Amino acid sequence: LNLKHKNGVFEVGMDKKGEVDFLSKIINPDIGVITNISYAHAKN
């Protein structure tokens, strides 16, 4: 992350429960976005 930049944009993937929690904890965003829900990475 460039500390001189005013904004940072990151994406959070998953293929099982708990991964979004773990990754978004690290990011601790000011703004969160959920694009949609579908059967992607649905095996778990």
Full PDB file with SEQRES, HELIX, SHEET, SSBOND, CRYST1, ORIGX, SCALE, CONECT and MASTER records, all heavy atoms in Angstrom:
SEQRES   1 A   44  LEU ASN LEU LYS HIS LYS ASN GLY VAL PHE GLU VAL GLY          
SEQRES   2 A   44  MET ASP LYS LYS GLY GLU VAL ASP PHE LEU SER LYS ILE          
SEQRES   3 A   44  ILE ASN PRO ASP ILE GLY VAL ILE THR ASN ILE SER TYR          
SEQRES   4 A   44  ALA HIS ALA LYS ASN                                          
HELIX    1 AA1 GLU A   19  ILE A   27  1                                   9    
CRYST1    1.000    1.000    1.000  90.00  90.00  90.00 P 1           1          
ORIGX1      1.000000  0.000000  0.000000        0.00000                         
ORIGX2      0.000000  1.000000  0.000000        0.00000                         
ORIGX3      0.000000  0.000000  1.000000        0.00000                         
SCALE1      1.000000  0.000000  0.000000        0.00000                         
SCALE2      0.000000  1.000000  0.000000        0.00000                         
SCALE3      0.000000  0.000000  1.000000        0.00000                         
ATOM      1  N   LEU A   1       0.841  -1.192   0.000  1.00  0.00           N  
ATOM      2  CA  LEU A   1       0.000   0.000   0.000  1.00  0.00           C  
ATOM      3  C   LEU A   1       0.879   1.245   0.000  1.00  0.00           C  
ATOM      4  O   LEU A   1       1.760   1.393   0.845  1.00  0.00           O  
ATOM      5  CB  LEU A   1      -0.890  -0.011   1.254  1.00  0.00           C  
ATOM      6  CG  LEU A   1      -1.865   1.145   1.461  1.00  0.00           C  
ATOM      7  CD1 LEU A   1      -2.936   1.172   0.387  1.00  0.00           C  
ATOM      8  CD2 LEU A   1      -2.517   1.054   2.839  1.00  0.00           C  
ATOM      9  N   ASN A   2       0.662   2.121  -0.956  1.00  0.00           N  
ATOM     10  CA  ASN A   2       1.416   3.380  -1.022  1.00  0.00           C  
ATOM     11  C   ASN A   2       0.836   4.324   0.018  1.00  0.00           C  
ATOM     12  O   ASN A   2      -0.310   4.760  -0.086  1.00  0.00           O  
ATOM     13  CB  ASN A   2       1.304   3.968  -2.423  1.00  0.00           C  
ATOM     14  CG  ASN A   2       2.195   5.180  -2.623  1.00  0.00           C  
ATOM     15  OD1 ASN A   2       2.419   5.970  -1.698  1.00  0.00           O  
ATOM     16  ND2 ASN A   2       2.709   5.345  -3.830  1.00  0.00           N  
ATOM     17  N   LEU A   3       1.611   4.640   1.040  1.00  0.00           N  
ATOM     18  CA  LEU A   3       1.106   5.446   2.155  1.00  0.00           C  
ATOM     19  C   LEU A   3       0.807   6.888   1.764  1.00  0.00           C  
ATOM     20  O   LEU A   3       0.161   7.619   2.513  1.00  0.00           O  
ATOM     21  CB  LEU A   3       2.091   5.397   3.325  1.00  0.00           C  
ATOM     22  CG  LEU A   3       2.269   4.007   3.970  1.00  0.00           C  
ATOM     23  CD1 LEU A   3       3.323   4.036   5.059  1.00  0.00           C  
ATOM     24  CD2 LEU A   3       0.955   3.472   4.524  1.00  0.00           C  
ATOM     25  N   LYS A   4       1.261   7.287   0.564  1.00  0.00           N  
ATOM     26  CA  LYS A   4       0.943   8.641   0.083  1.00  0.00           C  
ATOM     27  C   LYS A   4      -0.420   8.679  -0.604  1.00  0.00           C  
ATOM     28  O   LYS A   4      -0.974   9.739  -0.828  1.00  0.00           O  
ATOM     29  CB  LYS A   4       2.030   9.126  -0.894  1.00  0.00           C  
ATOM     30  CG  LYS A   4       3.373   9.412  -0.218  1.00  0.00           C  
ATOM     31  CD  LYS A   4       4.401   9.807  -1.260  1.00  0.00           C  
ATOM     32  CE  LYS A   4       5.777   9.999  -0.599  1.00  0.00           C  
ATOM     33  NZ  LYS A   4       6.815  10.267  -1.637  1.00  0.00           N  
ATOM     34  N   HIS A   5      -0.926   7.500  -0.969  1.00  0.00           N  
ATOM     35  CA  HIS A   5      -2.206   7.443  -1.677  1.00  0.00           C  
ATOM     36  C   HIS A   5      -3.377   7.669  -0.734  1.00  0.00           C  
ATOM     37  O   HIS A   5      -3.354   7.258   0.415  1.00  0.00           O  
ATOM     38  CB  HIS A   5      -2.354   6.097  -2.392  1.00  0.00           C  
ATOM     39  CG  HIS A   5      -1.536   5.999  -3.638  1.00  0.00           C  
ATOM     40  ND1 HIS A   5      -1.439   4.843  -4.381  1.00  0.00           N  
ATOM     41  CD2 HIS A   5      -0.778   6.922  -4.290  1.00  0.00           C  
ATOM     42  CE1 HIS A   5      -0.657   5.056  -5.431  1.00  0.00           C  
ATOM     43  NE2 HIS A   5      -0.236   6.318  -5.390  1.00  0.00           N  
ATOM     44  N   LYS A   6      -4.423   8.289  -1.269  1.00  0.00           N  
ATOM     45  CA  LYS A   6      -5.593   8.614  -0.449  1.00  0.00           C  
ATOM     46  C   LYS A   6      -6.564   7.451  -0.321  1.00  0.00           C  
ATOM     47  O   LYS A   6      -7.440   7.442   0.536  1.00  0.00           O  
ATOM     48  CB  LYS A   6      -6.331   9.819  -1.049  1.00  0.00           C  
ATOM     49  CG  LYS A   6      -5.556  11.124  -0.947  1.00  0.00           C  
ATOM     50  CD  LYS A   6      -6.351  12.256  -1.557  1.00  0.00           C  
ATOM     51  CE  LYS A   6      -5.569  13.571  -1.491  1.00  0.00           C  
ATOM     52  NZ  LYS A   6      -6.303  14.665  -2.151  1.00  0.00           N  
ATOM     53  N   ASN A   7      -6.415   6.447  -1.212  1.00  0.00           N  
ATOM     54  CA  ASN A   7      -7.355   5.324  -1.228  1.00  0.00           C  
ATOM     55  C   ASN A   7      -6.643   4.001  -1.482  1.00  0.00           C  
ATOM     56  O   ASN A   7      -5.608   3.964  -2.144  1.00  0.00           O  
ATOM     57  CB  ASN A   7      -8.405   5.526  -2.335  1.00  0.00           C  
ATOM     58  CG  ASN A   7      -9.111   6.859  -2.233  1.00  0.00           C  
ATOM     59  OD1 ASN A   7     -10.036   7.027  -1.455  1.00  0.00           O  
ATOM     60  ND2 ASN A   7      -8.658   7.843  -3.011  1.00  0.00           N  
ATOM     61  N   GLY A   8      -7.229   2.935  -0.969  1.00  0.00           N  
ATOM     62  CA  GLY A   8      -6.740   1.583  -1.222  1.00  0.00           C  
ATOM     63  C   GLY A   8      -7.909   0.684  -1.549  1.00  0.00           C  
ATOM     64  O   GLY A   8      -8.939   0.730  -0.865  1.00  0.00           O  
ATOM     65  N   VAL A   9      -7.788  -0.105  -2.616  1.00  0.00           N  
ATOM     66  CA  VAL A   9      -8.885  -0.983  -3.041  1.00  0.00           C  
ATOM     67  C   VAL A   9      -8.380  -2.429  -3.065  1.00  0.00           C  
ATOM     68  O   VAL A   9      -7.398  -2.730  -3.743  1.00  0.00           O  
ATOM     69  CB  VAL A   9      -9.415  -0.601  -4.449  1.00  0.00           C  
ATOM     70  CG1 VAL A   9     -10.682  -1.387  -4.768  1.00  0.00           C  
ATOM     71  CG2 VAL A   9      -9.671   0.902  -4.554  1.00  0.00           C  
ATOM     72  N   PHE A  10      -9.058  -3.294  -2.323  1.00  0.00           N  
ATOM     73  CA  PHE A  10      -8.618  -4.687  -2.202  1.00  0.00           C  
ATOM     74  C   PHE A  10      -9.794  -5.629  -2.412  1.00  0.00           C  
ATOM     75  O   PHE A  10     -10.937  -5.295  -2.145  1.00  0.00           O  
ATOM     76  CB  PHE A  10      -8.012  -4.924  -0.813  1.00  0.00           C  
ATOM     77  CG  PHE A  10      -6.877  -3.988  -0.508  1.00  0.00           C  
ATOM     78  CD1 PHE A  10      -7.098  -2.804   0.182  1.00  0.00           C  
ATOM     79  CD2 PHE A  10      -5.597  -4.258  -0.944  1.00  0.00           C  
ATOM     80  CE1 PHE A  10      -6.070  -1.909   0.431  1.00  0.00           C  
ATOM     81  CE2 PHE A  10      -4.553  -3.371  -0.707  1.00  0.00           C  
ATOM     82  CZ  PHE A  10      -4.789  -2.194  -0.014  1.00  0.00           C  
ATOM     83  N   GLU A  11      -9.476  -6.829  -2.913  1.00  0.00           N  
ATOM     84  CA  GLU A  11     -10.549  -7.814  -3.086  1.00  0.00           C  
ATOM     85  C   GLU A  11     -10.335  -8.988  -2.139  1.00  0.00           C  
ATOM     86  O   GLU A  11      -9.201  -9.320  -1.779  1.00  0.00           O  
ATOM     87  CB  GLU A  11     -10.650  -8.280  -4.531  1.00  0.00           C  
ATOM     88  CG  GLU A  11      -9.472  -9.007  -5.079  1.00  0.00           C  
ATOM     89  CD  GLU A  11      -9.714  -9.540  -6.497  1.00  0.00           C  
ATOM     90  OE1 GLU A  11     -10.561 -10.442  -6.637  1.00  0.00           O  
ATOM     91  OE2 GLU A  11      -9.065  -9.064  -7.433  1.00  0.00           O  
ATOM     92  N   VAL A  12     -11.448  -9.590  -1.756  1.00  0.00           N  
ATOM     93  CA  VAL A  12     -11.424 -10.670  -0.768  1.00  0.00           C  
ATOM     94  C   VAL A  12     -12.131 -11.884  -1.354  1.00  0.00           C  
ATOM     95  O   VAL A  12     -13.321 -11.855  -1.632  1.00  0.00           O  
ATOM     96  CB  VAL A  12     -12.138 -10.228   0.539  1.00  0.00           C  
ATOM     97  CG1 VAL A  12     -12.151 -11.366   1.557  1.00  0.00           C  
ATOM     98  CG2 VAL A  12     -11.472  -8.988   1.128  1.00  0.00           C  
ATOM     99  N   GLY A  13     -11.375 -12.955  -1.551  1.00  0.00           N  
ATOM    100  CA  GLY A  13     -11.948 -14.190  -2.088  1.00  0.00           C  
ATOM    101  C   GLY A  13     -12.134 -15.224  -0.992  1.00  0.00           C  
ATOM    102  O   GLY A  13     -11.741 -15.020   0.163  1.00  0.00           O  
ATOM    103  N   MET A  14     -12.725 -16.331  -1.350  1.00  0.00           N  
ATOM    104  CA  MET A  14     -12.887 -17.426  -0.382  1.00  0.00           C  
ATOM    105  C   MET A  14     -13.262 -18.703  -1.103  1.00  0.00           C  
ATOM    106  O   MET A  14     -13.815 -18.666  -2.207  1.00  0.00           O  
ATOM    107  CB  MET A  14     -13.978 -17.101   0.642  1.00  0.00           C  
ATOM    108  CG  MET A  14     -15.385 -17.077   0.057  1.00  0.00           C  
ATOM    109  SD  MET A  14     -16.679 -17.349   1.256  1.00  0.00           S  
ATOM    110  CE  MET A  14     -17.965 -18.024   0.192  1.00  0.00           C  
ATOM    111  N   ASP A  15     -12.961 -19.847  -0.472  1.00  0.00           N  
ATOM    112  CA  ASP A  15     -13.594 -21.081  -0.919  1.00  0.00           C  
ATOM    113  C   ASP A  15     -14.131 -21.877   0.267  1.00  0.00           C  
ATOM    114  O   ASP A  15     -14.650 -22.966   0.114  1.00  0.00           O  
ATOM    115  CB  ASP A  15     -12.692 -21.923  -1.835  1.00  0.00           C  
ATOM    116  CG  ASP A  15     -11.396 -22.344  -1.194  1.00  0.00           C  
ATOM    117  OD1 ASP A  15     -11.286 -22.254   0.042  1.00  0.00           O  
ATOM    118  OD2 ASP A  15     -10.494 -22.792  -1.924  1.00  0.00           O  
ATOM    119  N   LYS A  16     -14.014 -21.278   1.482  1.00  0.00           N  
ATOM    120  CA  LYS A  16     -14.660 -21.903   2.637  1.00  0.00           C  
ATOM    121  C   LYS A  16     -14.975 -20.869   3.717  1.00  0.00           C  
ATOM    122  O   LYS A  16     -14.463 -19.741   3.687  1.00  0.00           O  
ATOM    123  CB  LYS A  16     -13.819 -23.046   3.200  1.00  0.00           C  
ATOM    124  CG  LYS A  16     -12.402 -22.690   3.632  1.00  0.00           C  
ATOM    125  CD  LYS A  16     -11.708 -23.959   4.129  1.00  0.00           C  
ATOM    126  CE  LYS A  16     -10.301 -23.665   4.633  1.00  0.00           C  
ATOM    127  NZ  LYS A  16      -9.332 -23.449   3.564  1.00  0.00           N  
ATOM    128  N   LYS A  17     -15.810 -21.266   4.648  1.00  0.00           N  
ATOM    129  CA  LYS A  17     -16.245 -20.420   5.749  1.00  0.00           C  
ATOM    130  C   LYS A  17     -15.034 -19.913   6.540  1.00  0.00           C  
ATOM    131  O   LYS A  17     -14.071 -20.645   6.742  1.00  0.00           O  
ATOM    132  CB  LYS A  17     -17.171 -21.244   6.661  1.00  0.00           C  
ATOM    133  CG  LYS A  17     -17.788 -20.465   7.795  1.00  0.00           C  
ATOM    134  CD  LYS A  17     -18.601 -21.395   8.681  1.00  0.00           C  
ATOM    135  CE  LYS A  17     -19.076 -20.664   9.918  1.00  0.00           C  
ATOM    136  NZ  LYS A  17     -19.747 -21.564  10.874  1.00  0.00           N  
ATOM    137  N   GLY A  18     -15.084 -18.665   6.963  1.00  0.00           N  
ATOM    138  CA  GLY A  18     -14.037 -18.098   7.818  1.00  0.00           C  
ATOM    139  C   GLY A  18     -12.959 -17.335   7.078  1.00  0.00           C  
ATOM    140  O   GLY A  18     -12.261 -16.503   7.670  1.00  0.00           O  
ATOM    141  N   GLU A  19     -12.801 -17.590   5.769  1.00  0.00           N  
ATOM    142  CA  GLU A  19     -11.734 -16.922   5.007  1.00  0.00           C  
ATOM    143  C   GLU A  19     -12.005 -15.432   4.821  1.00  0.00           C  
ATOM    144  O   GLU A  19     -11.094 -14.617   4.939  1.00  0.00           O  
ATOM    145  CB  GLU A  19     -11.535 -17.599   3.651  1.00  0.00           C  
ATOM    146  CG  GLU A  19     -10.838 -18.924   3.764  1.00  0.00           C  
ATOM    147  CD  GLU A  19     -10.544 -19.566   2.420  1.00  0.00           C  
ATOM    148  OE1 GLU A  19     -11.283 -19.342   1.460  1.00  0.00           O  
ATOM    149  OE2 GLU A  19      -9.551 -20.309   2.348  1.00  0.00           O  
ATOM    150  N   VAL A  20     -13.269 -15.080   4.517  1.00  0.00           N  
ATOM    151  CA  VAL A  20     -13.607 -13.660   4.351  1.00  0.00           C  
ATOM    152  C   VAL A  20     -13.396 -12.931   5.676  1.00  0.00           C  
ATOM    153  O   VAL A  20     -12.897 -11.808   5.705  1.00  0.00           O  
ATOM    154  CB  VAL A  20     -15.067 -13.489   3.843  1.00  0.00           C  
ATOM    155  CG1 VAL A  20     -15.498 -12.023   3.889  1.00  0.00           C  
ATOM    156  CG2 VAL A  20     -15.197 -14.013   2.420  1.00  0.00           C  
ATOM    157  N   ASP A  21     -13.750 -13.597   6.776  1.00  0.00           N  
ATOM    158  CA  ASP A  21     -13.554 -13.000   8.111  1.00  0.00           C  
ATOM    159  C   ASP A  21     -12.070 -12.728   8.362  1.00  0.00           C  
ATOM    160  O   ASP A  21     -11.676 -11.626   8.741  1.00  0.00           O  
ATOM    161  CB  ASP A  21     -14.106 -13.945   9.177  1.00  0.00           C  
ATOM    162  CG  ASP A  21     -13.957 -13.382  10.582  1.00  0.00           C  
ATOM    163  OD1 ASP A  21     -14.410 -12.236  10.813  1.00  0.00           O  
ATOM    164  OD2 ASP A  21     -13.378 -14.061  11.449  1.00  0.00           O  
ATOM    165  N   PHE A  22     -11.240 -13.737   8.114  1.00  0.00           N  
ATOM    166  CA  PHE A  22      -9.799 -13.613   8.355  1.00  0.00           C  
ATOM    167  C   PHE A  22      -9.181 -12.486   7.515  1.00  0.00           C  
ATOM    168  O   PHE A  22      -8.448 -11.642   8.029  1.00  0.00           O  
ATOM    169  CB  PHE A  22      -9.112 -14.950   8.043  1.00  0.00           C  
ATOM    170  CG  PHE A  22      -7.614 -14.909   8.116  1.00  0.00           C  
ATOM    171  CD1 PHE A  22      -6.960 -14.861   9.339  1.00  0.00           C  
ATOM    172  CD2 PHE A  22      -6.846 -14.888   6.952  1.00  0.00           C  
ATOM    173  CE1 PHE A  22      -5.564 -14.802   9.398  1.00  0.00           C  
ATOM    174  CE2 PHE A  22      -5.463 -14.832   7.006  1.00  0.00           C  
ATOM    175  CZ  PHE A  22      -4.820 -14.787   8.246  1.00  0.00           C  
ATOM    176  N   LEU A  23      -9.509 -12.463   6.223  1.00  0.00           N  
ATOM    177  CA  LEU A  23      -8.892 -11.492   5.316  1.00  0.00           C  
ATOM    178  C   LEU A  23      -9.420 -10.079   5.539  1.00  0.00           C  
ATOM    179  O   LEU A  23      -8.663  -9.110   5.497  1.00  0.00           O  
ATOM    180  CB  LEU A  23      -9.103 -11.919   3.860  1.00  0.00           C  
ATOM    181  CG  LEU A  23      -8.421 -13.229   3.451  1.00  0.00           C  
ATOM    182  CD1 LEU A  23      -8.837 -13.640   2.052  1.00  0.00           C  
ATOM    183  CD2 LEU A  23      -6.899 -13.123   3.543  1.00  0.00           C  
ATOM    184  N   SER A  24     -10.734  -9.955   5.782  1.00  0.00           N  
ATOM    185  CA  SER A  24     -11.283  -8.606   5.982  1.00  0.00           C  
ATOM    186  C   SER A  24     -10.879  -8.021   7.335  1.00  0.00           C  
ATOM    187  O   SER A  24     -10.869  -6.811   7.510  1.00  0.00           O  
ATOM    188  CB  SER A  24     -12.805  -8.593   5.794  1.00  0.00           C  
ATOM    189  OG  SER A  24     -13.441  -9.508   6.636  1.00  0.00           O  
ATOM    190  N   LYS A  25     -10.511  -8.897   8.286  1.00  0.00           N  
ATOM    191  CA  LYS A  25      -9.965  -8.409   9.580  1.00  0.00           C  
ATOM    192  C   LYS A  25      -8.630  -7.706   9.347  1.00  0.00           C  
ATOM    193  O   LYS A  25      -8.330  -6.681   9.961  1.00  0.00           O  
ATOM    194  CB  LYS A  25      -9.762  -9.588  10.531  1.00  0.00           C  
ATOM    195  CG  LYS A  25     -10.802  -9.707  11.626  1.00  0.00           C  
ATOM    196  CD  LYS A  25     -10.338 -10.669  12.715  1.00  0.00           C  
ATOM    197  CE  LYS A  25     -11.452 -10.880  13.721  1.00  0.00           C  
ATOM    198  NZ  LYS A  25     -12.478 -11.828  13.228  1.00  0.00           N  
ATOM    199  N   ILE A  26      -7.820  -8.292   8.472  1.00  0.00           N  
ATOM    200  CA  ILE A  26      -6.506  -7.697   8.165  1.00  0.00           C  
ATOM    201  C   ILE A  26      -6.706  -6.341   7.482  1.00  0.00           C  
ATOM    202  O   ILE A  26      -6.026  -5.361   7.784  1.00  0.00           O  
ATOM    203  CB  ILE A  26      -5.682  -8.617   7.216  1.00  0.00           C  
ATOM    204  CG1 ILE A  26      -5.519 -10.007   7.801  1.00  0.00           C  
ATOM    205  CG2 ILE A  26      -4.307  -8.010   6.923  1.00  0.00           C  
ATOM    206  CD1 ILE A  26      -5.031 -11.044   6.772  1.00  0.00           C  
ATOM    207  N   ILE A  27      -7.666  -6.297   6.544  1.00  0.00           N  
ATOM    208  CA  ILE A  27      -7.905  -5.073   5.767  1.00  0.00           C  
ATOM    209  C   ILE A  27      -8.600  -4.001   6.597  1.00  0.00           C  
ATOM    210  O   ILE A  27      -8.319  -2.808   6.456  1.00  0.00           O  
ATOM    211  CB  ILE A  27      -8.748  -5.386   4.505  1.00  0.00           C  
ATOM    212  CG1 ILE A  27      -8.025  -6.394   3.607  1.00  0.00           C  
ATOM    213  CG2 ILE A  27      -9.056  -4.114   3.714  1.00  0.00           C  
ATOM    214  CD1 ILE A  27      -8.876  -6.933   2.461  1.00  0.00           C  
ATOM    215  N   ASN A  28      -9.547  -4.444   7.475  1.00  0.00           N  
ATOM    216  CA  ASN A  28     -10.306  -3.508   8.318  1.00  0.00           C  
ATOM    217  C   ASN A  28     -10.821  -2.311   7.495  1.00  0.00           C  
ATOM    218  O   ASN A  28     -10.457  -1.163   7.716  1.00  0.00           O  
ATOM    219  CB  ASN A  28      -9.415  -3.026   9.474  1.00  0.00           C  
ATOM    220  CG  ASN A  28     -10.161  -2.244  10.533  1.00  0.00           C  
ATOM    221  OD1 ASN A  28      -9.609  -1.329  11.115  1.00  0.00           O  
ATOM    222  ND2 ASN A  28     -11.409  -2.560  10.767  1.00  0.00           N  
ATOM    223  N   PRO A  29     -11.689  -2.579   6.497  1.00  0.00           N  
ATOM    224  CA  PRO A  29     -12.069  -1.533   5.540  1.00  0.00           C  
ATOM    225  C   PRO A  29     -12.974  -0.438   6.112  1.00  0.00           C  
ATOM    226  O   PRO A  29     -13.728  -0.672   7.052  1.00  0.00           O  
ATOM    227  CB  PRO A  29     -12.813  -2.307   4.452  1.00  0.00           C  
ATOM    228  CG  PRO A  29     -13.373  -3.503   5.162  1.00  0.00           C  
ATOM    229  CD  PRO A  29     -12.369  -3.852   6.216  1.00  0.00           C  
ATOM    230  N   ASP A  30     -12.886   0.730   5.498  1.00  0.00           N  
ATOM    231  CA  ASP A  30     -13.833   1.805   5.791  1.00  0.00           C  
ATOM    232  C   ASP A  30     -15.130   1.552   5.027  1.00  0.00           C  
ATOM    233  O   ASP A  30     -16.212   1.895   5.490  1.00  0.00           O  
ATOM    234  CB  ASP A  30     -13.257   3.159   5.335  1.00  0.00           C  
ATOM    235  CG  ASP A  30     -11.956   3.484   6.044  1.00  0.00           C  
ATOM    236  OD1 ASP A  30     -12.015   3.881   7.209  1.00  0.00           O  
ATOM    237  OD2 ASP A  30     -10.883   3.323   5.428  1.00  0.00           O  
ATOM    238  N   ILE A  31     -14.972   0.967   3.835  1.00  0.00           N  
ATOM    239  CA  ILE A  31     -16.114   0.652   2.976  1.00  0.00           C  
ATOM    240  C   ILE A  31     -16.014  -0.810   2.548  1.00  0.00           C  
ATOM    241  O   ILE A  31     -14.973  -1.251   2.068  1.00  0.00           O  
ATOM    242  CB  ILE A  31     -16.125   1.545   1.712  1.00  0.00           C  
ATOM    243  CG1 ILE A  31     -16.170   3.031   2.086  1.00  0.00           C  
ATOM    244  CG2 ILE A  31     -17.294   1.188   0.793  1.00  0.00           C  
ATOM    245  CD1 ILE A  31     -15.820   3.973   0.938  1.00  0.00           C  
ATOM    246  N   GLY A  32     -17.095  -1.551   2.725  1.00  0.00           N  
ATOM    247  CA  GLY A  32     -17.157  -2.927   2.259  1.00  0.00           C  
ATOM    248  C   GLY A  32     -18.129  -3.015   1.090  1.00  0.00           C  
ATOM    249  O   GLY A  32     -19.087  -2.246   1.022  1.00  0.00           O  
ATOM    250  N   VAL A  33     -17.874  -3.946   0.177  1.00  0.00           N  
ATOM    251  CA  VAL A  33     -18.761  -4.151  -0.976  1.00  0.00           C  
ATOM    252  C   VAL A  33     -19.022  -5.649  -1.128  1.00  0.00           C  
ATOM    253  O   VAL A  33     -18.092  -6.447  -1.072  1.00  0.00           O  
ATOM    254  CB  VAL A  33     -18.128  -3.641  -2.300  1.00  0.00           C  
ATOM    255  CG1 VAL A  33     -19.128  -3.730  -3.440  1.00  0.00           C  
ATOM    256  CG2 VAL A  33     -17.583  -2.228  -2.152  1.00  0.00           C  
ATOM    257  N   ILE A  34     -20.307  -6.011  -1.303  1.00  0.00           N  
ATOM    258  CA  ILE A  34     -20.654  -7.389  -1.678  1.00  0.00           C  
ATOM    259  C   ILE A  34     -21.316  -7.301  -3.050  1.00  0.00           C  
ATOM    260  O   ILE A  34     -22.392  -6.727  -3.196  1.00  0.00           O  
ATOM    261  CB  ILE A  34     -21.599  -8.059  -0.654  1.00  0.00           C  
ATOM    262  CG1 ILE A  34     -20.961  -8.066   0.741  1.00  0.00           C  
ATOM    263  CG2 ILE A  34     -21.928  -9.493  -1.096  1.00  0.00           C  
ATOM    264  CD1 ILE A  34     -21.843  -8.622   1.853  1.00  0.00           C  
ATOM    265  N   THR A  35     -20.657  -7.827  -4.062  1.00  0.00           N  
ATOM    266  CA  THR A  35     -21.138  -7.664  -5.446  1.00  0.00           C  
ATOM    267  C   THR A  35     -22.389  -8.489  -5.732  1.00  0.00           C  
ATOM    268  O   THR A  35     -23.340  -8.017  -6.329  1.00  0.00           O  
ATOM    269  CB  THR A  35     -20.042  -8.054  -6.464  1.00  0.00           C  
ATOM    270  OG1 THR A  35     -19.655  -9.419  -6.216  1.00  0.00           O  
ATOM    271  CG2 THR A  35     -18.841  -7.139  -6.374  1.00  0.00           C  
ATOM    272  N   ASN A  36     -22.376  -9.761  -5.317  1.00  0.00           N  
ATOM    273  CA  ASN A  36     -23.481 -10.684  -5.584  1.00  0.00           C  
ATOM    274  C   ASN A  36     -23.195 -12.013  -4.894  1.00  0.00           C  
ATOM    275  O   ASN A  36     -22.074 -12.236  -4.422  1.00  0.00           O  
ATOM    276  CB  ASN A  36     -23.663 -10.917  -7.098  1.00  0.00           C  
ATOM    277  CG  ASN A  36     -22.349 -11.203  -7.791  1.00  0.00           C  
ATOM    278  OD1 ASN A  36     -21.600 -12.083  -7.389  1.00  0.00           O  
ATOM    279  ND2 ASN A  36     -22.030 -10.439  -8.823  1.00  0.00           N  
ATOM    280  N   ILE A  37     -24.198 -12.873  -4.879  1.00  0.00           N  
ATOM    281  CA  ILE A  37     -24.033 -14.215  -4.299  1.00  0.00           C  
ATOM    282  C   ILE A  37     -24.448 -15.245  -5.339  1.00  0.00           C  
ATOM    283  O   ILE A  37     -25.535 -15.178  -5.902  1.00  0.00           O  
ATOM    284  CB  ILE A  37     -24.889 -14.393  -3.020  1.00  0.00           C  
ATOM    285  CG1 ILE A  37     -24.520 -13.340  -1.957  1.00  0.00           C  
ATOM    286  CG2 ILE A  37     -24.735 -15.809  -2.454  1.00  0.00           C  
ATOM    287  CD1 ILE A  37     -23.086 -13.376  -1.460  1.00  0.00           C  
ATOM    288  N   SER A  38     -23.546 -16.205  -5.592  1.00  0.00           N  
ATOM    289  CA  SER A  38     -23.820 -17.254  -6.558  1.00  0.00           C  
ATOM    290  C   SER A  38     -23.088 -18.522  -6.136  1.00  0.00           C  
ATOM    291  O   SER A  38     -22.307 -18.509  -5.176  1.00  0.00           O  
ATOM    292  CB  SER A  38     -23.351 -16.806  -7.946  1.00  0.00           C  
ATOM    293  OG  SER A  38     -23.354 -17.880  -8.852  1.00  0.00           O  
ATOM    294  N   TYR A  39     -23.310 -19.609  -6.881  1.00  0.00           N  
ATOM    295  CA  TYR A  39     -22.638 -20.882  -6.590  1.00  0.00           C  
ATOM    296  C   TYR A  39     -21.220 -20.893  -7.150  1.00  0.00           C  
ATOM    297  O   TYR A  39     -20.858 -21.752  -7.948  1.00  0.00           O  
ATOM    298  CB  TYR A  39     -23.419 -22.038  -7.204  1.00  0.00           C  
ATOM    299  CG  TYR A  39     -24.618 -22.491  -6.403  1.00  0.00           C  
ATOM    300  CD1 TYR A  39     -25.897 -22.076  -6.749  1.00  0.00           C  
ATOM    301  CD2 TYR A  39     -24.474 -23.345  -5.311  1.00  0.00           C  
ATOM    302  CE1 TYR A  39     -27.009 -22.508  -6.033  1.00  0.00           C  
ATOM    303  CE2 TYR A  39     -25.575 -23.775  -4.593  1.00  0.00           C  
ATOM    304  CZ  TYR A  39     -26.837 -23.351  -4.953  1.00  0.00           C  
ATOM    305  OH  TYR A  39     -27.927 -23.782  -4.239  1.00  0.00           O  
ATOM    306  N   ALA A  40     -20.398 -19.941  -6.754  1.00  0.00           N  
ATOM    307  CA  ALA A  40     -18.974 -19.973  -7.111  1.00  0.00           C  
ATOM    308  C   ALA A  40     -18.228 -20.553  -5.915  1.00  0.00           C  
ATOM    309  O   ALA A  40     -18.551 -20.220  -4.776  1.00  0.00           O  
ATOM    310  CB  ALA A  40     -18.483 -18.570  -7.417  1.00  0.00           C  
ATOM    311  N   HIS A  41     -17.244 -21.410  -6.153  1.00  0.00           N  
ATOM    312  CA  HIS A  41     -16.487 -22.065  -5.069  1.00  0.00           C  
ATOM    313  C   HIS A  41     -17.448 -22.695  -4.063  1.00  0.00           C  
ATOM    314  O   HIS A  41     -17.300 -22.542  -2.855  1.00  0.00           O  
ATOM    315  CB  HIS A  41     -15.560 -21.070  -4.370  1.00  0.00           C  
ATOM    316  CG  HIS A  41     -14.617 -20.364  -5.285  1.00  0.00           C  
ATOM    317  ND1 HIS A  41     -13.553 -20.985  -5.891  1.00  0.00           N  
ATOM    318  CD2 HIS A  41     -14.607 -19.091  -5.730  1.00  0.00           C  
ATOM    319  CE1 HIS A  41     -12.914 -20.128  -6.667  1.00  0.00           C  
ATOM    320  NE2 HIS A  41     -13.542 -18.965  -6.582  1.00  0.00           N  
ATOM    321  N   ALA A  42     -18.445 -23.427  -4.571  1.00  0.00           N  
ATOM    322  CA  ALA A  42     -19.532 -23.932  -3.717  1.00  0.00           C  
ATOM    323  C   ALA A  42     -19.250 -25.305  -3.112  1.00  0.00           C  
ATOM    324  O   ALA A  42     -20.070 -25.823  -2.358  1.00  0.00           O  
ATOM    325  CB  ALA A  42     -20.828 -23.983  -4.525  1.00  0.00           C  
ATOM    326  N   LYS A  43     -18.084 -25.877  -3.427  1.00  0.00           N  
ATOM    327  CA  LYS A  43     -17.834 -27.267  -3.022  1.00  0.00           C  
ATOM    328  C   LYS A  43     -17.855 -27.463  -1.506  1.00  0.00           C  
ATOM    329  O   LYS A  43     -18.141 -28.546  -1.023  1.00  0.00           O  
ATOM    330  CB  LYS A  43     -16.497 -27.756  -3.609  1.00  0.00           C  
ATOM    331  CG  LYS A  43     -15.290 -26.971  -3.126  1.00  0.00           C  
ATOM    332  CD  LYS A  43     -14.005 -27.484  -3.744  1.00  0.00           C  
ATOM    333  CE  LYS A  43     -12.811 -26.660  -3.249  1.00  0.00           C  
ATOM    334  NZ  LYS A  43     -11.563 -27.094  -3.843  1.00  0.00           N  
ATOM    335  N   ASN A  44     -17.540 -26.402  -0.734  1.00  0.00           N  
ATOM    336  CA  ASN A  44     -17.492 -26.535   0.734  1.00  0.00           C  
ATOM    337  C   ASN A  44     -18.746 -26.022   1.436  1.00  0.00           C  
ATOM    338  O   ASN A  44     -18.732 -25.804   2.642  1.00  0.00           O  
ATOM    339  CB  ASN A  44     -16.257 -25.798   1.273  1.00  0.00           C  
ATOM    340  CG  ASN A  44     -14.971 -26.448   0.803  1.00  0.00           C  
ATOM    341  OD1 ASN A  44     -14.846 -27.663   0.813  1.00  0.00           O  
ATOM    342  ND2 ASN A  44     -14.011 -25.647   0.365  1.00  0.00           N  
TER     343      ASN A  44                                                      
MASTER        0    0    0    1    0    0    0    6  342    1    0    4          
END                                                                             
